[in-house]
Amino acid sequence: MKKLLAILISLCLVMGCAAALADGIKLGIVTPDADHGFTGESVAHARAEAEAMKAAGIIEDYMMAVGAEASKQISGIDEILNWGPDAIMLWPLEGDQLRNAAQTIIDEGVPLVIYDRLIENFTGMAGEIMGDNVTIGNMMGKYLLKYYEDDLKEGKKINYLLFIGDSSTVSKQRTDGMLEIINASEYKDNFVLIHDAFQTDWSNAKSKEQMENWLNTTDDATVADLDLIVTHDDEIIDGIMTVIPEDERLGELRLLTSVGGRRETLATFDSVEKPELLTYFFSPSYIREALRLTVAAAKGETYQDQEIKGQQFLIPTIEIDKSTVEEYRNSAEFADRYSI
């Protein structure tokens, strides 16, 4: 009798474990493809977070699809849907190109969380999560007005170049956020964009080439009058900074703005008095929050004490310049970014 009871208990435990496993979350993750830079670090953070969730029993399993082209991301979505996920996190390369695939996810009844780059005028997803790009742009605009305050009061023109990331909503929000503040000020006409915006595709090699070409094809007077370079990413800055220290004509260039907070980029400016760097914390580790939101959506739980209803969640930033860089290097945010 005791032996029979032990067998029954063992069977119950096995069945209980199987039931618990069956109730586990199967998480789909779709990202761009990269093995270096911001995207590469983000993919690594996504894997690390998914593995940690699996080890902790938060999810049963995950399937990850990476693609350097929209078509590969779409194929990855098809594979994940065939696998049978409970929720999908999508980081689209280009929103419009992924629109139909994202709609397919929703039509299949799978909760969808969109990360970083939006699909404009799109509804039905569980939620969106991203860095606060508009606020980054707003903060940048306010900083520029303060930084150049004396020059502006004297009526000086602030001549600048703009290096955007790409045609996604990220670049648009950062640029528009900055211009919103500047254009609302009395110094709107003092900021002069002296060349069409350069689209870098987030590449330091491409930004280096674009900066070299501009310097080689622009007259000395225009180069000498350059006051400011605005960019959307620290890797863009890395490319530019391999060029500008060699050009002695850039005597008026005082400030470069960026987004990222990369330790390598910050180190470039440690021994440089001019130009200065202004950047805004935007971490590859943000993607961990996107996965946490996706799992919460799959389980019907709240996120940041909010019911998930298709709204947008924004991750706050930190302003970093020469006066705050050491504080940032000692921060929990910096440690989290470089935890892997």
C-alpha atoms as a PDB file:
ATOM      1  CA  MET A   1       0.000   0.000   0.000  1.00  0.00           C
ATOM      2  CA  LYS A   2       2.799   2.388   0.900  1.00  0.00           C
ATOM      3  CA  LYS A   3       4.572   1.530  -2.351  1.00  0.00           C
ATOM      4  CA  LEU A   4       1.400   2.248  -4.349  1.00  0.00           C
ATOM      5  CA  LEU A   5       0.964   5.575  -2.524  1.00  0.00           C
ATOM      6  CA  ALA A   6       4.566   6.546  -3.331  1.00  0.00           C
ATOM      7  CA  ILE A   7       3.979   5.745  -7.011  1.00  0.00           C
ATOM      8  CA  LEU A   8       0.811   7.830  -7.052  1.00  0.00           C
ATOM      9  CA  ILE A   9       2.607  10.760  -5.405  1.00  0.00           C
ATOM     10  CA  SER A  10       5.440  10.491  -7.919  1.00  0.00           C
ATOM     11  CA  LEU A  11       2.951  10.450 -10.789  1.00  0.00           C
ATOM     12  CA  CYS A  12       1.220  13.521  -9.396  1.00  0.00           C
ATOM     13  CA  LEU A  13       4.514  15.355  -9.109  1.00  0.00           C
ATOM     14  CA  VAL A  14       5.450  14.475 -12.678  1.00  0.00           C
ATOM     15  CA  MET A  15       2.041  15.535 -13.960  1.00  0.00           C
ATOM     16  CA  GLY A  16       2.240  18.704 -11.910  1.00  0.00           C
ATOM     17  CA  CYS A  17       5.628  19.539 -13.373  1.00  0.00           C
ATOM     18  CA  ALA A  18       4.364  18.831 -16.871  1.00  0.00           C
ATOM     19  CA  ALA A  19       1.341  21.052 -16.304  1.00  0.00           C
ATOM     20  CA  ALA A  20       3.551  23.827 -14.994  1.00  0.00           C
ATOM     21  CA  LEU A  21       5.786  23.475 -18.056  1.00  0.00           C
ATOM     22  CA  ALA A  22       2.782  23.521 -20.366  1.00  0.00           C
ATOM     23  CA  ASP A  23       1.673  26.771 -18.771  1.00  0.00           C
ATOM     24  CA  GLY A  24       5.116  28.329 -19.372  1.00  0.00           C
ATOM     25  CA  ILE A  25       5.551  31.260 -21.700  1.00  0.00           C
ATOM     26  CA  LYS A  26       7.025  30.737 -25.163  1.00  0.00           C
ATOM     27  CA  LEU A  27       8.622  34.051 -26.080  1.00  0.00           C
ATOM     28  CA  GLY A  28       9.353  35.195 -29.638  1.00  0.00           C
ATOM     29  CA  ILE A  29      12.077  37.817 -30.180  1.00  0.00           C
ATOM     30  CA  VAL A  30      12.731  39.567 -33.507  1.00  0.00           C
ATOM     31  CA  THR A  31      15.668  41.978 -33.818  1.00  0.00           C
ATOM     32  CA  PRO A  32      17.976  43.466 -36.429  1.00  0.00           C
ATOM     33  CA  ASP A  33      21.184  41.513 -37.049  1.00  0.00           C
ATOM     34  CA  ALA A  34      24.542  42.784 -35.818  1.00  0.00           C
ATOM     35  CA  ASP A  35      27.617  41.504 -34.026  1.00  0.00           C
ATOM     36  CA  HIS A  36      29.021  44.853 -32.892  1.00  0.00           C
ATOM     37  CA  GLY A  37      28.012  48.369 -31.969  1.00  0.00           C
ATOM     38  CA  PHE A  38      24.721  49.373 -30.366  1.00  0.00           C
ATOM     39  CA  THR A  39      22.659  46.782 -32.212  1.00  0.00           C
ATOM     40  CA  GLY A  40      25.150  44.019 -31.502  1.00  0.00           C
ATOM     41  CA  GLU A  41      25.187  44.894 -27.797  1.00  0.00           C
ATOM     42  CA  SER A  42      21.377  45.001 -27.791  1.00  0.00           C
ATOM     43  CA  VAL A  43      21.100  41.533 -29.330  1.00  0.00           C
ATOM     44  CA  ALA A  44      23.536  40.237 -26.696  1.00  0.00           C
ATOM     45  CA  HIS A  45      21.454  41.816 -23.903  1.00  0.00           C
ATOM     46  CA  ALA A  46      18.293  40.272 -25.385  1.00  0.00           C
ATOM     47  CA  ARG A  47      19.834  36.800 -25.368  1.00  0.00           C
ATOM     48  CA  ALA A  48      21.164  37.253 -21.841  1.00  0.00           C
ATOM     49  CA  GLU A  49      17.771  38.401 -20.555  1.00  0.00           C
ATOM     50  CA  ALA A  50      15.918  35.567 -22.303  1.00  0.00           C
ATOM     51  CA  GLU A  51      18.356  32.999 -20.919  1.00  0.00           C
ATOM     52  CA  ALA A  52      17.998  34.472 -17.426  1.00  0.00           C
ATOM     53  CA  MET A  53      14.200  34.337 -17.689  1.00  0.00           C
ATOM     54  CA  LYS A  54      14.359  30.719 -18.849  1.00  0.00           C
ATOM     55  CA  ALA A  55      16.725  29.729 -16.055  1.00  0.00           C
ATOM     56  CA  ALA A  56      14.468  31.416 -13.489  1.00  0.00           C
ATOM     57  CA  GLY A  57      11.368  29.653 -14.813  1.00  0.00           C
ATOM     58  CA  ILE A  58       9.754  32.928 -15.918  1.00  0.00           C
ATOM     59  CA  ILE A  59       9.468  31.586 -19.464  1.00  0.00           C
ATOM     60  CA  GLU A  60       9.473  28.034 -20.746  1.00  0.00           C
ATOM     61  CA  ASP A  61      11.510  28.793 -23.855  1.00  0.00           C
ATOM     62  CA  TYR A  62      12.249  31.440 -26.453  1.00  0.00           C
ATOM     63  CA  MET A  63      12.903  31.643 -30.175  1.00  0.00           C
ATOM     64  CA  MET A  64      15.027  34.465 -31.544  1.00  0.00           C
ATOM     65  CA  ALA A  65      15.081  35.677 -35.148  1.00  0.00           C
ATOM     66  CA  VAL A  66      17.616  38.251 -36.332  1.00  0.00           C
ATOM     67  CA  GLY A  67      17.659  39.881 -39.734  1.00  0.00           C
ATOM     68  CA  ALA A  68      19.767  42.519 -41.434  1.00  0.00           C
ATOM     69  CA  GLU A  69      16.966  43.089 -43.950  1.00  0.00           C
ATOM     70  CA  ALA A  70      13.222  43.504 -43.573  1.00  0.00           C
ATOM     71  CA  SER A  71      12.631  40.341 -45.626  1.00  0.00           C
ATOM     72  CA  LYS A  72      14.691  38.288 -43.161  1.00  0.00           C
ATOM     73  CA  GLN A  73      12.789  39.718 -40.217  1.00  0.00           C
ATOM     74  CA  ILE A  74       9.524  38.812 -41.953  1.00  0.00           C
ATOM     75  CA  SER A  75      10.750  35.238 -42.517  1.00  0.00           C
ATOM     76  CA  GLY A  76      11.771  35.098 -38.870  1.00  0.00           C
ATOM     77  CA  ILE A  77       8.289  36.181 -37.794  1.00  0.00           C
ATOM     78  CA  ASP A  78       6.759  33.383 -39.906  1.00  0.00           C
ATOM     79  CA  GLU A  79       9.049  30.801 -38.258  1.00  0.00           C
ATOM     80  CA  ILE A  80       8.215  32.042 -34.775  1.00  0.00           C
ATOM     81  CA  LEU A  81       4.473  31.988 -35.487  1.00  0.00           C
ATOM     82  CA  ASN A  82       4.768  28.393 -36.691  1.00  0.00           C
ATOM     83  CA  TRP A  83       6.577  27.601 -33.428  1.00  0.00           C
ATOM     84  CA  GLY A  84       3.556  28.837 -31.462  1.00  0.00           C
ATOM     85  CA  PRO A  85       4.613  31.770 -29.254  1.00  0.00           C
ATOM     86  CA  ASP A  86       2.613  33.273 -26.409  1.00  0.00           C
ATOM     87  CA  ALA A  87       3.947  36.757 -27.226  1.00  0.00           C
ATOM     88  CA  ILE A  88       6.419  38.402 -29.612  1.00  0.00           C
ATOM     89  CA  MET A  89       8.731  41.351 -29.165  1.00  0.00           C
ATOM     90  CA  LEU A  90       9.517  43.020 -32.498  1.00  0.00           C
ATOM     91  CA  TRP A  91      12.339  45.502 -33.073  1.00  0.00           C
ATOM     92  CA  PRO A  92      11.615  46.443 -36.698  1.00  0.00           C
ATOM     93  CA  LEU A  93      14.340  47.619 -39.041  1.00  0.00           C
ATOM     94  CA  GLU A  94      11.848  49.847 -40.844  1.00  0.00           C
ATOM     95  CA  GLY A  95       8.317  50.226 -39.565  1.00  0.00           C
ATOM     96  CA  ASP A  96       6.484  50.420 -42.878  1.00  0.00           C
ATOM     97  CA  GLN A  97       8.234  47.351 -44.289  1.00  0.00           C
ATOM     98  CA  LEU A  98       7.237  45.287 -41.238  1.00  0.00           C
ATOM     99  CA  ARG A  99       3.661  46.584 -41.083  1.00  0.00           C
ATOM    100  CA  ASN A 100       1.996  43.585 -42.748  1.00  0.00           C
ATOM    101  CA  ALA A 101       4.034  41.056 -40.784  1.00  0.00           C
ATOM    102  CA  ALA A 102       3.188  42.840 -37.535  1.00  0.00           C
ATOM    103  CA  GLN A 103      -0.490  42.792 -38.476  1.00  0.00           C
ATOM    104  CA  THR A 104      -0.222  39.039 -39.081  1.00  0.00           C
ATOM    105  CA  ILE A 105       1.012  38.587 -35.520  1.00  0.00           C
ATOM    106  CA  ILE A 106      -2.014  40.479 -34.204  1.00  0.00           C
ATOM    107  CA  ASP A 107      -4.395  38.591 -36.508  1.00  0.00           C
ATOM    108  CA  GLU A 108      -3.028  35.338 -35.066  1.00  0.00           C
ATOM    109  CA  GLY A 109      -4.047  36.543 -31.606  1.00  0.00           C
ATOM    110  CA  VAL A 110      -0.461  36.786 -30.341  1.00  0.00           C
ATOM    111  CA  PRO A 111       0.341  39.777 -28.086  1.00  0.00           C
ATOM    112  CA  LEU A 112       2.873  42.004 -29.857  1.00  0.00           C
ATOM    113  CA  VAL A 113       5.264  44.484 -28.255  1.00  0.00           C
ATOM    114  CA  ILE A 114       7.100  46.852 -30.597  1.00  0.00           C
ATOM    115  CA  TYR A 115      10.483  48.071 -29.426  1.00  0.00           C
ATOM    116  CA  ASP A 116      12.565  51.145 -30.312  1.00  0.00           C
ATOM    117  CA  ARG A 117      11.407  51.900 -33.856  1.00  0.00           C
ATOM    118  CA  LEU A 118       7.710  52.495 -34.273  1.00  0.00           C
ATOM    119  CA  ILE A 119       5.321  51.422 -36.976  1.00  0.00           C
ATOM    120  CA  GLU A 120       3.517  54.704 -37.487  1.00  0.00           C
ATOM    121  CA  ASN A 121      -0.285  54.813 -37.430  1.00  0.00           C
ATOM    122  CA  PHE A 122      -0.397  51.188 -36.305  1.00  0.00           C
ATOM    123  CA  THR A 123      -2.796  49.819 -33.714  1.00  0.00           C
ATOM    124  CA  GLY A 124      -3.700  46.547 -32.071  1.00  0.00           C
ATOM    125  CA  MET A 125      -0.360  45.731 -30.447  1.00  0.00           C
ATOM    126  CA  ALA A 126      -0.109  45.000 -26.728  1.00  0.00           C
ATOM    127  CA  GLY A 127       2.271  47.910 -26.262  1.00  0.00           C
ATOM    128  CA  GLU A 128       5.261  49.909 -27.452  1.00  0.00           C
ATOM    129  CA  ILE A 129       8.453  50.594 -25.527  1.00  0.00           C
ATOM    130  CA  MET A 130      11.408  52.750 -26.413  1.00  0.00           C
ATOM    131  CA  GLY A 131      13.880  55.306 -25.205  1.00  0.00           C
ATOM    132  CA  ASP A 132      12.338  58.739 -24.845  1.00  0.00           C
ATOM    133  CA  ASN A 133      13.613  60.156 -28.141  1.00  0.00           C
ATOM    134  CA  VAL A 134      11.431  63.261 -28.150  1.00  0.00           C
ATOM    135  CA  THR A 135      12.609  64.216 -24.656  1.00  0.00           C
ATOM    136  CA  ILE A 136      16.218  63.590 -25.719  1.00  0.00           C
ATOM    137  CA  GLY A 137      15.687  66.034 -28.568  1.00  0.00           C
ATOM    138  CA  ASN A 138      13.964  68.540 -26.270  1.00  0.00           C
ATOM    139  CA  MET A 139      16.791  68.343 -23.736  1.00  0.00           C
ATOM    140  CA  MET A 140      19.338  68.807 -26.493  1.00  0.00           C
ATOM    141  CA  GLY A 141      17.543  71.901 -27.777  1.00  0.00           C
ATOM    142  CA  LYS A 142      17.462  73.430 -24.284  1.00  0.00           C
ATOM    143  CA  TYR A 143      21.145  72.641 -23.750  1.00  0.00           C
ATOM    144  CA  LEU A 144      22.114  74.301 -27.044  1.00  0.00           C
ATOM    145  CA  LEU A 145      20.196  77.458 -26.200  1.00  0.00           C
ATOM    146  CA  LYS A 146      21.999  77.644 -22.851  1.00  0.00           C
ATOM    147  CA  TYR A 147      25.419  76.644 -24.188  1.00  0.00           C
ATOM    148  CA  TYR A 148      25.406  79.292 -26.929  1.00  0.00           C
ATOM    149  CA  GLU A 149      23.464  81.847 -24.870  1.00  0.00           C
ATOM    150  CA  ASP A 150      26.088  84.604 -24.989  1.00  0.00           C
ATOM    151  CA  ASP A 151      26.627  84.175 -28.729  1.00  0.00           C
ATOM    152  CA  LEU A 152      22.897  84.213 -29.371  1.00  0.00           C
ATOM    153  CA  LYS A 153      22.382  87.370 -27.331  1.00  0.00           C
ATOM    154  CA  GLU A 154      25.053  89.032 -29.468  1.00  0.00           C
ATOM    155  CA  GLY A 155      23.159  88.028 -32.599  1.00  0.00           C
ATOM    156  CA  LYS A 156      25.700  85.426 -33.727  1.00  0.00           C
ATOM    157  CA  LYS A 157      24.674  82.675 -36.125  1.00  0.00           C
ATOM    158  CA  ILE A 158      25.253  79.111 -34.920  1.00  0.00           C
ATOM    159  CA  ASN A 159      26.211  77.204 -38.066  1.00  0.00           C
ATOM    160  CA  TYR A 160      25.755  73.457 -37.740  1.00  0.00           C
ATOM    161  CA  LEU A 161      25.833  70.110 -39.518  1.00  0.00           C
ATOM    162  CA  LEU A 162      23.300  67.348 -38.841  1.00  0.00           C
ATOM    163  CA  PHE A 163      24.138  63.624 -39.042  1.00  0.00           C
ATOM    164  CA  ILE A 164      20.988  61.532 -38.595  1.00  0.00           C
ATOM    165  CA  GLY A 165      20.818  57.771 -38.057  1.00  0.00           C
ATOM    166  CA  ASP A 166      18.319  56.698 -40.703  1.00  0.00           C
ATOM    167  CA  SER A 167      14.794  57.352 -41.945  1.00  0.00           C
ATOM    168  CA  SER A 168      13.115  55.667 -38.964  1.00  0.00           C
ATOM    169  CA  THR A 169      10.954  57.294 -36.305  1.00  0.00           C
ATOM    170  CA  VAL A 170      13.972  57.340 -33.958  1.00  0.00           C
ATOM    171  CA  SER A 171      15.843  59.903 -36.048  1.00  0.00           C
ATOM    172  CA  LYS A 172      12.722  61.910 -36.777  1.00  0.00           C
ATOM    173  CA  GLN A 173      11.789  62.170 -33.099  1.00  0.00           C
ATOM    174  CA  ARG A 174      15.266  63.209 -32.001  1.00  0.00           C
ATOM    175  CA  THR A 175      15.566  65.874 -34.687  1.00  0.00           C
ATOM    176  CA  ASP A 176      12.024  67.169 -34.297  1.00  0.00           C
ATOM    177  CA  GLY A 177      12.382  67.251 -30.503  1.00  0.00           C
ATOM    178  CA  MET A 178      15.463  69.462 -30.760  1.00  0.00           C
ATOM    179  CA  LEU A 179      13.960  71.769 -33.373  1.00  0.00           C
ATOM    180  CA  GLU A 180      10.713  72.064 -31.412  1.00  0.00           C
ATOM    181  CA  ILE A 181      12.607  73.809 -28.598  1.00  0.00           C
ATOM    182  CA  ILE A 182      14.860  75.908 -30.812  1.00  0.00           C
ATOM    183  CA  ASN A 183      12.028  77.008 -33.116  1.00  0.00           C
ATOM    184  CA  ALA A 184       9.914  78.047 -30.127  1.00  0.00           C
ATOM    185  CA  SER A 185      12.690  80.365 -28.921  1.00  0.00           C
ATOM    186  CA  GLU A 186      13.542  83.892 -29.992  1.00  0.00           C
ATOM    187  CA  TYR A 187      16.737  82.506 -31.543  1.00  0.00           C
ATOM    188  CA  LYS A 188      15.075  80.272 -34.122  1.00  0.00           C
ATOM    189  CA  ASP A 189      16.788  82.000 -37.045  1.00  0.00           C
ATOM    190  CA  ASN A 190      20.204  82.030 -35.371  1.00  0.00           C
ATOM    191  CA  PHE A 191      20.665  78.280 -35.833  1.00  0.00           C
ATOM    192  CA  VAL A 192      21.645  77.684 -39.450  1.00  0.00           C
ATOM    193  CA  LEU A 193      21.878  74.216 -40.991  1.00  0.00           C
ATOM    194  CA  ILE A 194      24.604  74.735 -43.604  1.00  0.00           C
ATOM    195  CA  HIS A 195      24.224  71.397 -45.433  1.00  0.00           C
ATOM    196  CA  ASP A 196      21.445  68.890 -45.993  1.00  0.00           C
ATOM    197  CA  ALA A 197      21.319  66.283 -43.223  1.00  0.00           C
ATOM    198  CA  PHE A 198      23.687  63.363 -43.694  1.00  0.00           C
ATOM    199  CA  GLN A 199      22.068  59.931 -43.315  1.00  0.00           C
ATOM    200  CA  THR A 200      24.703  57.700 -41.726  1.00  0.00           C
ATOM    201  CA  ASP A 201      22.788  54.428 -41.257  1.00  0.00           C
ATOM    202  CA  TRP A 202      24.284  54.477 -37.743  1.00  0.00           C
ATOM    203  CA  SER A 203      27.726  53.731 -39.205  1.00  0.00           C
ATOM    204  CA  ASN A 204      30.955  55.316 -37.942  1.00  0.00           C
ATOM    205  CA  ALA A 205      32.646  54.414 -41.239  1.00  0.00           C
ATOM    206  CA  LYS A 206      29.936  56.160 -43.237  1.00  0.00           C
ATOM    207  CA  SER A 207      29.918  59.254 -40.986  1.00  0.00           C
ATOM    208  CA  LYS A 208      33.715  59.433 -41.317  1.00  0.00           C
ATOM    209  CA  GLU A 209      33.436  59.334 -45.102  1.00  0.00           C
ATOM    210  CA  GLN A 210      30.689  61.956 -45.127  1.00  0.00           C
ATOM    211  CA  MET A 211      32.673  64.287 -42.879  1.00  0.00           C
ATOM    212  CA  GLU A 212      35.809  63.841 -44.976  1.00  0.00           C
ATOM    213  CA  ASN A 213      33.894  64.578 -48.177  1.00  0.00           C
ATOM    214  CA  TRP A 214      32.324  67.689 -46.680  1.00  0.00           C
ATOM    215  CA  LEU A 215      35.676  69.022 -45.514  1.00  0.00           C
ATOM    216  CA  ASN A 216      37.318  68.259 -48.873  1.00  0.00           C
ATOM    217  CA  THR A 217      34.605  69.920 -50.945  1.00  0.00           C
ATOM    218  CA  THR A 218      33.769  72.947 -48.794  1.00  0.00           C
ATOM    219  CA  ASP A 219      35.492  76.317 -48.915  1.00  0.00           C
ATOM    220  CA  ASP A 220      37.754  77.366 -46.057  1.00  0.00           C
ATOM    221  CA  ALA A 221      35.508  80.168 -44.822  1.00  0.00           C
ATOM    222  CA  THR A 222      32.480  77.891 -44.412  1.00  0.00           C
ATOM    223  CA  VAL A 223      34.530  75.245 -42.632  1.00  0.00           C
ATOM    224  CA  ALA A 224      36.007  77.867 -40.319  1.00  0.00           C
ATOM    225  CA  ASP A 225      32.533  79.119 -39.404  1.00  0.00           C
ATOM    226  CA  LEU A 226      31.217  75.706 -38.314  1.00  0.00           C
ATOM    227  CA  ASP A 227      30.107  75.992 -34.675  1.00  0.00           C
ATOM    228  CA  LEU A 228      28.251  72.760 -33.969  1.00  0.00           C
ATOM    229  CA  ILE A 229      27.764  69.182 -35.148  1.00  0.00           C
ATOM    230  CA  VAL A 230      24.509  67.452 -34.168  1.00  0.00           C
ATOM    231  CA  THR A 231      24.315  63.659 -34.411  1.00  0.00           C
ATOM    232  CA  HIS A 232      22.002  60.851 -33.315  1.00  0.00           C
ATOM    233  CA  ASP A 233      24.492  58.309 -32.021  1.00  0.00           C
ATOM    234  CA  ASP A 234      27.896  57.911 -30.401  1.00  0.00           C
ATOM    235  CA  GLU A 235      29.151  55.659 -33.191  1.00  0.00           C
ATOM    236  CA  ILE A 236      28.518  58.483 -35.627  1.00  0.00           C
ATOM    237  CA  ILE A 237      30.615  60.685 -33.357  1.00  0.00           C
ATOM    238  CA  ASP A 238      33.390  58.070 -33.368  1.00  0.00           C
ATOM    239  CA  GLY A 239      33.611  58.318 -37.146  1.00  0.00           C
ATOM    240  CA  ILE A 240      33.583  62.095 -37.165  1.00  0.00           C
ATOM    241  CA  MET A 241      36.217  62.325 -34.446  1.00  0.00           C
ATOM    242  CA  THR A 242      38.710  60.381 -36.565  1.00  0.00           C
ATOM    243  CA  VAL A 243      38.598  63.267 -39.042  1.00  0.00           C
ATOM    244  CA  ILE A 244      38.064  66.633 -37.376  1.00  0.00           C
ATOM    245  CA  PRO A 245      41.153  66.795 -35.104  1.00  0.00           C
ATOM    246  CA  GLU A 246      43.277  66.772 -38.264  1.00  0.00           C
ATOM    247  CA  ASP A 247      41.616  69.822 -39.802  1.00  0.00           C
ATOM    248  CA  GLU A 248      42.971  73.058 -38.365  1.00  0.00           C
ATOM    249  CA  ARG A 249      40.283  75.125 -40.106  1.00  0.00           C
ATOM    250  CA  LEU A 250      37.670  73.994 -37.553  1.00  0.00           C
ATOM    251  CA  GLY A 251      38.629  76.637 -35.045  1.00  0.00           C
ATOM    252  CA  GLU A 252      35.063  77.648 -34.186  1.00  0.00           C
ATOM    253  CA  LEU A 253      33.750  74.116 -33.660  1.00  0.00           C
ATOM    254  CA  ARG A 254      32.983  73.926 -29.949  1.00  0.00           C
ATOM    255  CA  LEU A 255      30.399  71.195 -29.438  1.00  0.00           C
ATOM    256  CA  LEU A 256      29.262  67.828 -30.782  1.00  0.00           C
ATOM    257  CA  THR A 257      25.953  66.360 -29.633  1.00  0.00           C
ATOM    258  CA  SER A 258      25.085  62.696 -29.602  1.00  0.00           C
ATOM    259  CA  VAL A 259      23.050  59.880 -28.057  1.00  0.00           C
ATOM    260  CA  GLY A 260      24.405  56.778 -26.348  1.00  0.00           C
ATOM    261  CA  GLY A 261      26.789  57.236 -23.448  1.00  0.00           C
ATOM    262  CA  ARG A 262      29.306  54.705 -24.827  1.00  0.00           C
ATOM    263  CA  ARG A 263      32.438  54.464 -22.698  1.00  0.00           C
ATOM    264  CA  GLU A 264      34.638  54.346 -25.813  1.00  0.00           C
ATOM    265  CA  THR A 265      33.150  57.576 -27.152  1.00  0.00           C
ATOM    266  CA  LEU A 266      33.407  59.313 -23.788  1.00  0.00           C
ATOM    267  CA  ALA A 267      37.061  58.279 -23.509  1.00  0.00           C
ATOM    268  CA  THR A 268      37.824  60.013 -26.809  1.00  0.00           C
ATOM    269  CA  PHE A 269      37.020  63.361 -25.220  1.00  0.00           C
ATOM    270  CA  ASP A 270      38.853  62.828 -21.919  1.00  0.00           C
ATOM    271  CA  SER A 271      42.019  64.511 -23.169  1.00  0.00           C
ATOM    272  CA  VAL A 272      40.374  66.888 -25.655  1.00  0.00           C
ATOM    273  CA  GLU A 273      39.611  70.438 -24.577  1.00  0.00           C
ATOM    274  CA  LYS A 274      37.827  71.346 -27.790  1.00  0.00           C
ATOM    275  CA  PRO A 275      35.360  70.356 -29.120  1.00  0.00           C
ATOM    276  CA  GLU A 276      33.246  69.182 -26.194  1.00  0.00           C
ATOM    277  CA  LEU A 277      30.776  66.305 -26.205  1.00  0.00           C
ATOM    278  CA  LEU A 278      27.134  66.328 -25.128  1.00  0.00           C
ATOM    279  CA  THR A 279      25.466  62.920 -25.203  1.00  0.00           C
ATOM    280  CA  TYR A 280      22.345  61.295 -23.794  1.00  0.00           C
ATOM    281  CA  PHE A 281      22.188  57.877 -22.170  1.00  0.00           C
ATOM    282  CA  PHE A 282      20.513  55.390 -24.473  1.00  0.00           C
ATOM    283  CA  SER A 283      21.521  51.860 -23.621  1.00  0.00           C
ATOM    284  CA  PRO A 284      21.507  48.508 -25.427  1.00  0.00           C
ATOM    285  CA  SER A 285      20.225  47.126 -22.124  1.00  0.00           C
ATOM    286  CA  TYR A 286      16.891  48.905 -22.745  1.00  0.00           C
ATOM    287  CA  ILE A 287      15.862  45.827 -24.726  1.00  0.00           C
ATOM    288  CA  ARG A 288      15.670  43.884 -21.449  1.00  0.00           C
ATOM    289  CA  GLU A 289      12.732  46.080 -20.457  1.00  0.00           C
ATOM    290  CA  ALA A 290      11.090  45.319 -23.786  1.00  0.00           C
ATOM    291  CA  LEU A 291      11.285  41.590 -23.044  1.00  0.00           C
ATOM    292  CA  ARG A 292       9.916  42.101 -19.531  1.00  0.00           C
ATOM    293  CA  LEU A 293       6.990  44.057 -20.962  1.00  0.00           C
ATOM    294  CA  THR A 294       6.350  41.308 -23.529  1.00  0.00           C
ATOM    295  CA  VAL A 295       6.285  38.583 -20.877  1.00  0.00           C
ATOM    296  CA  ALA A 296       3.951  40.676 -18.735  1.00  0.00           C
ATOM    297  CA  ALA A 297       1.636  41.085 -21.731  1.00  0.00           C
ATOM    298  CA  ALA A 298       1.687  37.314 -22.329  1.00  0.00           C
ATOM    299  CA  LYS A 299       0.765  36.615 -18.703  1.00  0.00           C
ATOM    300  CA  GLY A 300      -1.872  39.341 -18.483  1.00  0.00           C
ATOM    301  CA  GLU A 301       0.119  41.103 -15.775  1.00  0.00           C
ATOM    302  CA  THR A 302       0.805  44.788 -15.226  1.00  0.00           C
ATOM    303  CA  TYR A 303       4.002  46.572 -16.193  1.00  0.00           C
ATOM    304  CA  GLN A 304       5.314  49.503 -14.151  1.00  0.00           C
ATOM    305  CA  ASP A 305       2.075  49.201 -12.156  1.00  0.00           C
ATOM    306  CA  GLN A 306       0.019  49.843 -15.298  1.00  0.00           C
ATOM    307  CA  GLU A 307      -2.417  47.594 -17.086  1.00  0.00           C
ATOM    308  CA  ILE A 308      -1.043  46.941 -20.570  1.00  0.00           C
ATOM    309  CA  LYS A 309      -3.525  48.406 -23.051  1.00  0.00           C
ATOM    310  CA  GLY A 310      -1.528  49.139 -26.194  1.00  0.00           C
ATOM    311  CA  GLN A 311       0.094  52.242 -24.743  1.00  0.00           C
ATOM    312  CA  GLN A 312       3.646  53.474 -25.198  1.00  0.00           C
ATOM    313  CA  PHE A 313       6.166  53.100 -22.388  1.00  0.00           C
ATOM    314  CA  LEU A 314       9.159  55.451 -22.426  1.00  0.00           C
ATOM    315  CA  ILE A 315      12.534  54.777 -20.832  1.00  0.00           C
ATOM    316  CA  PRO A 316      14.074  57.950 -19.337  1.00  0.00           C
ATOM    317  CA  THR A 317      17.503  59.288 -20.298  1.00  0.00           C
ATOM    318  CA  ILE A 318      20.474  60.975 -18.583  1.00  0.00           C
ATOM    319  CA  GLU A 319      22.245  64.080 -19.885  1.00  0.00           C
ATOM    320  CA  ILE A 320      26.030  63.646 -20.011  1.00  0.00           C
ATOM    321  CA  ASP A 321      28.577  66.397 -20.573  1.00  0.00           C
ATOM    322  CA  LYS A 322      32.028  67.193 -19.193  1.00  0.00           C
ATOM    323  CA  SER A 323      30.544  68.274 -15.846  1.00  0.00           C
ATOM    324  CA  THR A 324      28.524  65.077 -15.277  1.00  0.00           C
ATOM    325  CA  VAL A 325      30.527  62.373 -17.046  1.00  0.00           C
ATOM    326  CA  GLU A 326      32.213  61.024 -13.903  1.00  0.00           C
ATOM    327  CA  GLU A 327      28.908  60.799 -12.059  1.00  0.00           C
ATOM    328  CA  TYR A 328      27.526  58.849 -15.013  1.00  0.00           C
ATOM    329  CA  ARG A 329      30.520  56.488 -15.063  1.00  0.00           C
ATOM    330  CA  ASN A 330      29.804  55.650 -11.427  1.00  0.00           C
ATOM    331  CA  SER A 331      26.065  55.176 -11.940  1.00  0.00           C
ATOM    332  CA  ALA A 332      23.940  52.027 -11.830  1.00  0.00           C
ATOM    333  CA  GLU A 333      22.883  52.732 -15.420  1.00  0.00           C
ATOM    334  CA  PHE A 334      26.490  52.579 -16.615  1.00  0.00           C
ATOM    335  CA  ALA A 335      27.090  49.353 -14.681  1.00  0.00           C
ATOM    336  CA  ASP A 336      23.925  47.788 -16.142  1.00  0.00           C
ATOM    337  CA  ARG A 337      24.928  48.697 -19.673  1.00  0.00           C
ATOM    338  CA  TYR A 338      28.291  46.974 -19.327  1.00  0.00           C
ATOM    339  CA  SER A 339      27.077  44.024 -17.258  1.00  0.00           C
ATOM    340  CA  ILE A 340      27.770  41.570 -20.103  1.00  0.00           C
END
